[in-house]
PDB file of N, CA and C in Angstrom:
ATOM      1  N   MET A   1      -3.037  11.655  -3.217  1.00  0.00           N
ATOM      2  CA  MET A   1      -1.949  10.753  -2.969  1.00  0.00           C
ATOM      3  C   MET A   1      -0.724  11.289  -3.673  1.00  0.00           C
ATOM      4  N   THR A   2       0.377  11.264  -2.979  1.00  0.00           N
ATOM      5  CA  THR A   2       1.668  11.609  -3.570  1.00  0.00           C
ATOM      6  C   THR A   2       2.689  10.565  -3.137  1.00  0.00           C
ATOM      7  N   PHE A   3       3.685  10.378  -3.987  1.00  0.00           N
ATOM      8  CA  PHE A   3       4.802   9.541  -3.577  1.00  0.00           C
ATOM      9  C   PHE A   3       6.068  10.108  -4.170  1.00  0.00           C
ATOM     10  N   GLN A   4       7.162   9.805  -3.492  1.00  0.00           N
ATOM     11  CA  GLN A   4       8.465  10.293  -3.909  1.00  0.00           C
ATOM     12  C   GLN A   4       9.447   9.147  -3.833  1.00  0.00           C
ATOM     13  N   LEU A   5      10.311   9.041  -4.837  1.00  0.00           N
ATOM     14  CA  LEU A   5      11.362   8.023  -4.855  1.00  0.00           C
ATOM     15  C   LEU A   5      12.707   8.724  -4.706  1.00  0.00           C
ATOM     16  N   ASP A   6      13.508   8.261  -3.755  1.00  0.00           N
ATOM     17  CA  ASP A   6      14.838   8.825  -3.519  1.00  0.00           C
ATOM     18  C   ASP A   6      15.860   7.706  -3.513  1.00  0.00           C
ATOM     19  N   GLU A   7      16.974   7.924  -4.210  1.00  0.00           N
ATOM     20  CA  GLU A   7      18.066   6.957  -4.204  1.00  0.00           C
ATOM     21  C   GLU A   7      18.850   7.119  -2.911  1.00  0.00           C
ATOM     22  N   ILE A   8      19.023   6.003  -2.196  1.00  0.00           N
ATOM     23  CA  ILE A   8      19.813   6.031  -0.963  1.00  0.00           C
ATOM     24  C   ILE A   8      20.610   4.743  -0.837  1.00  0.00           C
ATOM     25  N   ASP A   9      21.884   4.872  -0.548  1.00  0.00           N
ATOM     26  CA  ASP A   9      22.748   3.719  -0.269  1.00  0.00           C
ATOM     27  C   ASP A   9      22.589   2.592  -1.291  1.00  0.00           C
ATOM     28  N   GLY A  10      22.537   2.917  -2.569  1.00  0.00           N
ATOM     29  CA  GLY A  10      22.426   1.903  -3.607  1.00  0.00           C
ATOM     30  C   GLY A  10      21.041   1.315  -3.739  1.00  0.00           C
ATOM     31  N   GLY A  11      20.065   1.866  -3.052  1.00  0.00           N
ATOM     32  CA  GLY A  11      18.686   1.390  -3.131  1.00  0.00           C
ATOM     33  C   GLY A  11      17.748   2.554  -3.370  1.00  0.00           C
ATOM     34  N   THR A  12      16.486   2.319  -3.136  1.00  0.00           N
ATOM     35  CA  THR A  12      15.481   3.355  -3.343  1.00  0.00           C
ATOM     36  C   THR A  12      14.553   3.408  -2.138  1.00  0.00           C
ATOM     37  N   ARG A  13      14.323   4.635  -1.651  1.00  0.00           N
ATOM     38  CA  ARG A  13      13.333   4.845  -0.591  1.00  0.00           C
ATOM     39  C   ARG A  13      12.099   5.457  -1.234  1.00  0.00           C
ATOM     40  N   MET A  14      10.937   4.887  -0.925  1.00  0.00           N
ATOM     41  CA  MET A  14       9.680   5.432  -1.413  1.00  0.00           C
ATOM     42  C   MET A  14       8.945   6.067  -0.239  1.00  0.00           C
ATOM     43  N   THR A  15       8.581   7.334  -0.401  1.00  0.00           N
ATOM     44  CA  THR A  15       7.772   8.045   0.583  1.00  0.00           C
ATOM     45  C   THR A  15       6.384   8.195  -0.012  1.00  0.00           C
ATOM     46  N   PHE A  16       5.390   7.762   0.734  1.00  0.00           N
ATOM     47  CA  PHE A  16       4.018   7.677   0.254  1.00  0.00           C
ATOM     48  C   PHE A  16       3.118   8.446   1.219  1.00  0.00           C
ATOM     49  N   ILE A  17       2.311   9.371   0.685  1.00  0.00           N
ATOM     50  CA  ILE A  17       1.410  10.174   1.517  1.00  0.00           C
ATOM     51  C   ILE A  17       0.027  10.167   0.886  1.00  0.00           C
ATOM     52  N   GLN A  18      -0.974   9.880   1.707  1.00  0.00           N
ATOM     53  CA  GLN A  18      -2.356   9.912   1.231  1.00  0.00           C
ATOM     54  C   GLN A  18      -3.211  10.567   2.308  1.00  0.00           C
ATOM     55  N   GLY A  19      -4.162  11.390   1.904  1.00  0.00           N
ATOM     56  CA  GLY A  19      -5.061  12.022   2.851  1.00  0.00           C
ATOM     57  C   GLY A  19      -5.451  13.395   2.342  1.00  0.00           C
ATOM     58  N   PRO A  20      -6.215  14.142   3.071  1.00  0.00           N
ATOM     59  CA  PRO A  20      -6.781  13.810   4.369  1.00  0.00           C
ATOM     60  C   PRO A  20      -7.959  12.840   4.247  1.00  0.00           C
ATOM     61  N   PHE A  21      -8.275  12.207   5.358  1.00  0.00           N
ATOM     62  CA  PHE A  21      -9.385  11.264   5.411  1.00  0.00           C
ATOM     63  C   PHE A  21     -10.498  11.839   6.270  1.00  0.00           C
ATOM     64  N   ASP A  22     -11.731  11.484   5.938  1.00  0.00           N
ATOM     65  CA  ASP A  22     -12.875  12.026   6.674  1.00  0.00           C
ATOM     66  C   ASP A  22     -13.116  11.341   8.009  1.00  0.00           C
ATOM     67  N   THR A  23     -12.619  10.110   8.165  1.00  0.00           N
ATOM     68  CA  THR A  23     -12.765   9.407   9.451  1.00  0.00           C
ATOM     69  C   THR A  23     -11.505   8.592   9.721  1.00  0.00           C
ATOM     70  N   ILE A  24     -11.314   8.258  10.975  1.00  0.00           N
ATOM     71  CA  ILE A  24     -10.196   7.397  11.375  1.00  0.00           C
ATOM     72  C   ILE A  24     -10.356   6.010  10.744  1.00  0.00           C
ATOM     73  N   ASP A  25     -11.581   5.495  10.738  1.00  0.00           N
ATOM     74  CA  ASP A  25     -11.829   4.177  10.140  1.00  0.00           C
ATOM     75  C   ASP A  25     -11.469   4.162   8.661  1.00  0.00           C
ATOM     76  N   ASN A  26     -11.805   5.235   7.949  1.00  0.00           N
ATOM     77  CA  ASN A  26     -11.477   5.328   6.532  1.00  0.00           C
ATOM     78  C   ASN A  26      -9.957   5.344   6.350  1.00  0.00           C
ATOM     79  N   ARG A  27      -9.270   6.132   7.167  1.00  0.00           N
ATOM     80  CA  ARG A  27      -7.801   6.188   7.116  1.00  0.00           C
ATOM     81  C   ARG A  27      -7.199   4.814   7.374  1.00  0.00           C
ATOM     82  N   ASP A  28      -7.674   4.162   8.438  1.00  0.00           N
ATOM     83  CA  ASP A  28      -7.119   2.864   8.808  1.00  0.00           C
ATOM     84  C   ASP A  28      -7.399   1.811   7.732  1.00  0.00           C
ATOM     85  N   GLY A  29      -8.572   1.860   7.122  1.00  0.00           N
ATOM     86  CA  GLY A  29      -8.897   0.919   6.050  1.00  0.00           C
ATOM     87  C   GLY A  29      -7.976   1.064   4.858  1.00  0.00           C
ATOM     88  N   HIS A  30      -7.672   2.313   4.499  1.00  0.00           N
ATOM     89  CA  HIS A  30      -6.728   2.532   3.406  1.00  0.00           C
ATOM     90  C   HIS A  30      -5.343   2.011   3.779  1.00  0.00           C
ATOM     91  N   GLY A  31      -4.959   2.210   5.037  1.00  0.00           N
ATOM     92  CA  GLY A  31      -3.646   1.744   5.496  1.00  0.00           C
ATOM     93  C   GLY A  31      -3.496   0.244   5.351  1.00  0.00           C
ATOM     94  N   VAL A  32      -4.525  -0.499   5.705  1.00  0.00           N
ATOM     95  CA  VAL A  32      -4.487  -1.958   5.577  1.00  0.00           C
ATOM     96  C   VAL A  32      -4.283  -2.352   4.114  1.00  0.00           C
ATOM     97  N   GLY A  33      -5.057  -1.744   3.233  1.00  0.00           N
ATOM     98  CA  GLY A  33      -4.947  -2.068   1.810  1.00  0.00           C
ATOM     99  C   GLY A  33      -3.579  -1.743   1.231  1.00  0.00           C
ATOM    100  N   TRP A  34      -3.049  -0.575   1.588  1.00  0.00           N
ATOM    101  CA  TRP A  34      -1.736  -0.201   1.059  1.00  0.00           C
ATOM    102  C   TRP A  34      -0.640  -1.100   1.608  1.00  0.00           C
ATOM    103  N   ARG A  35      -0.704  -1.452   2.893  1.00  0.00           N
ATOM    104  CA  ARG A  35       0.320  -2.343   3.448  1.00  0.00           C
ATOM    105  C   ARG A  35       0.328  -3.678   2.716  1.00  0.00           C
ATOM    106  N   GLU A  36      -0.841  -4.214   2.414  1.00  0.00           N
ATOM    107  CA  GLU A  36      -0.907  -5.468   1.656  1.00  0.00           C
ATOM    108  C   GLU A  36      -0.278  -5.290   0.275  1.00  0.00           C
ATOM    109  N   SER A  37      -0.553  -4.181  -0.368  1.00  0.00           N
ATOM    110  CA  SER A  37       0.020  -3.924  -1.700  1.00  0.00           C
ATOM    111  C   SER A  37       1.535  -3.794  -1.631  1.00  0.00           C
ATOM    112  N   PHE A  38       2.029  -3.083  -0.620  1.00  0.00           N
ATOM    113  CA  PHE A  38       3.479  -2.914  -0.491  1.00  0.00           C
ATOM    114  C   PHE A  38       4.157  -4.224  -0.127  1.00  0.00           C
ATOM    115  N   ASP A  39       3.501  -5.052   0.665  1.00  0.00           N
ATOM    116  CA  ASP A  39       4.056  -6.374   0.971  1.00  0.00           C
ATOM    117  C   ASP A  39       4.184  -7.211  -0.299  1.00  0.00           C
ATOM    118  N   ARG A  40       3.182  -7.154  -1.159  1.00  0.00           N
ATOM    119  CA  ARG A  40       3.250  -7.905  -2.431  1.00  0.00           C
ATOM    120  C   ARG A  40       4.349  -7.351  -3.329  1.00  0.00           C
ATOM    121  N   LEU A  41       4.490  -6.022  -3.358  1.00  0.00           N
ATOM    122  CA  LEU A  41       5.554  -5.416  -4.159  1.00  0.00           C
ATOM    123  C   LEU A  41       6.919  -5.852  -3.630  1.00  0.00           C
ATOM    124  N   ALA A  42       7.101  -5.841  -2.312  1.00  0.00           N
ATOM    125  CA  ALA A  42       8.381  -6.246  -1.727  1.00  0.00           C
ATOM    126  C   ALA A  42       8.701  -7.701  -2.082  1.00  0.00           C
ATOM    127  N   GLU A  43       7.712  -8.562  -2.004  1.00  0.00           N
ATOM    128  CA  GLU A  43       7.929  -9.963  -2.358  1.00  0.00           C
ATOM    129  C   GLU A  43       8.310 -10.103  -3.820  1.00  0.00           C
ATOM    130  N   HIS A  44       7.660  -9.372  -4.669  1.00  0.00           N
ATOM    131  CA  HIS A  44       7.950  -9.387  -6.102  1.00  0.00           C
ATOM    132  C   HIS A  44       9.406  -8.950  -6.343  1.00  0.00           C
ATOM    133  N   LEU A  45       9.824  -7.898  -5.664  1.00  0.00           N
ATOM    134  CA  LEU A  45      11.191  -7.398  -5.841  1.00  0.00           C
ATOM    135  C   LEU A  45      12.221  -8.364  -5.257  1.00  0.00           C
ATOM    136  N   ARG A  46      11.902  -9.027  -4.153  1.00  0.00           N
ATOM    137  CA  ARG A  46      12.824 -10.019  -3.572  1.00  0.00           C
ATOM    138  C   ARG A  46      13.078 -11.167  -4.534  1.00  0.00           C
ATOM    139  N   ARG A  47      12.044 -11.566  -5.274  1.00  0.00           N
ATOM    140  CA  ARG A  47      12.196 -12.670  -6.229  1.00  0.00           C
ATOM    141  C   ARG A  47      12.985 -12.251  -7.463  1.00  0.00           C
ATOM    142  N   GLY A  48      13.211 -10.954  -7.619  1.00  0.00           N
ATOM    143  CA  GLY A  48      13.981 -10.469  -8.756  1.00  0.00           C
ATOM    144  C   GLY A  48      13.191 -10.442 -10.046  1.00  0.00           C
ATOM    145  N   ALA A  49      11.870 -10.454  -9.924  1.00  0.00           N
ATOM    146  CA  ALA A  49      11.014 -10.460 -11.118  1.00  0.00           C
ATOM    147  C   ALA A  49      10.911  -9.070 -11.710  1.00  0.00           C
TER     148      ALA A  49
END
């Protein structure tokens, strides 16, 4: 897993890469988990916490 943070337009863009995966199901399962985590992070940041 790698990630990169770049400052853009007064904000931050995060680029996240994970893999390779041994199966499509394994890849998709990780995707679901990460999306949930990023949704929680976005909500946390929206609240200004």
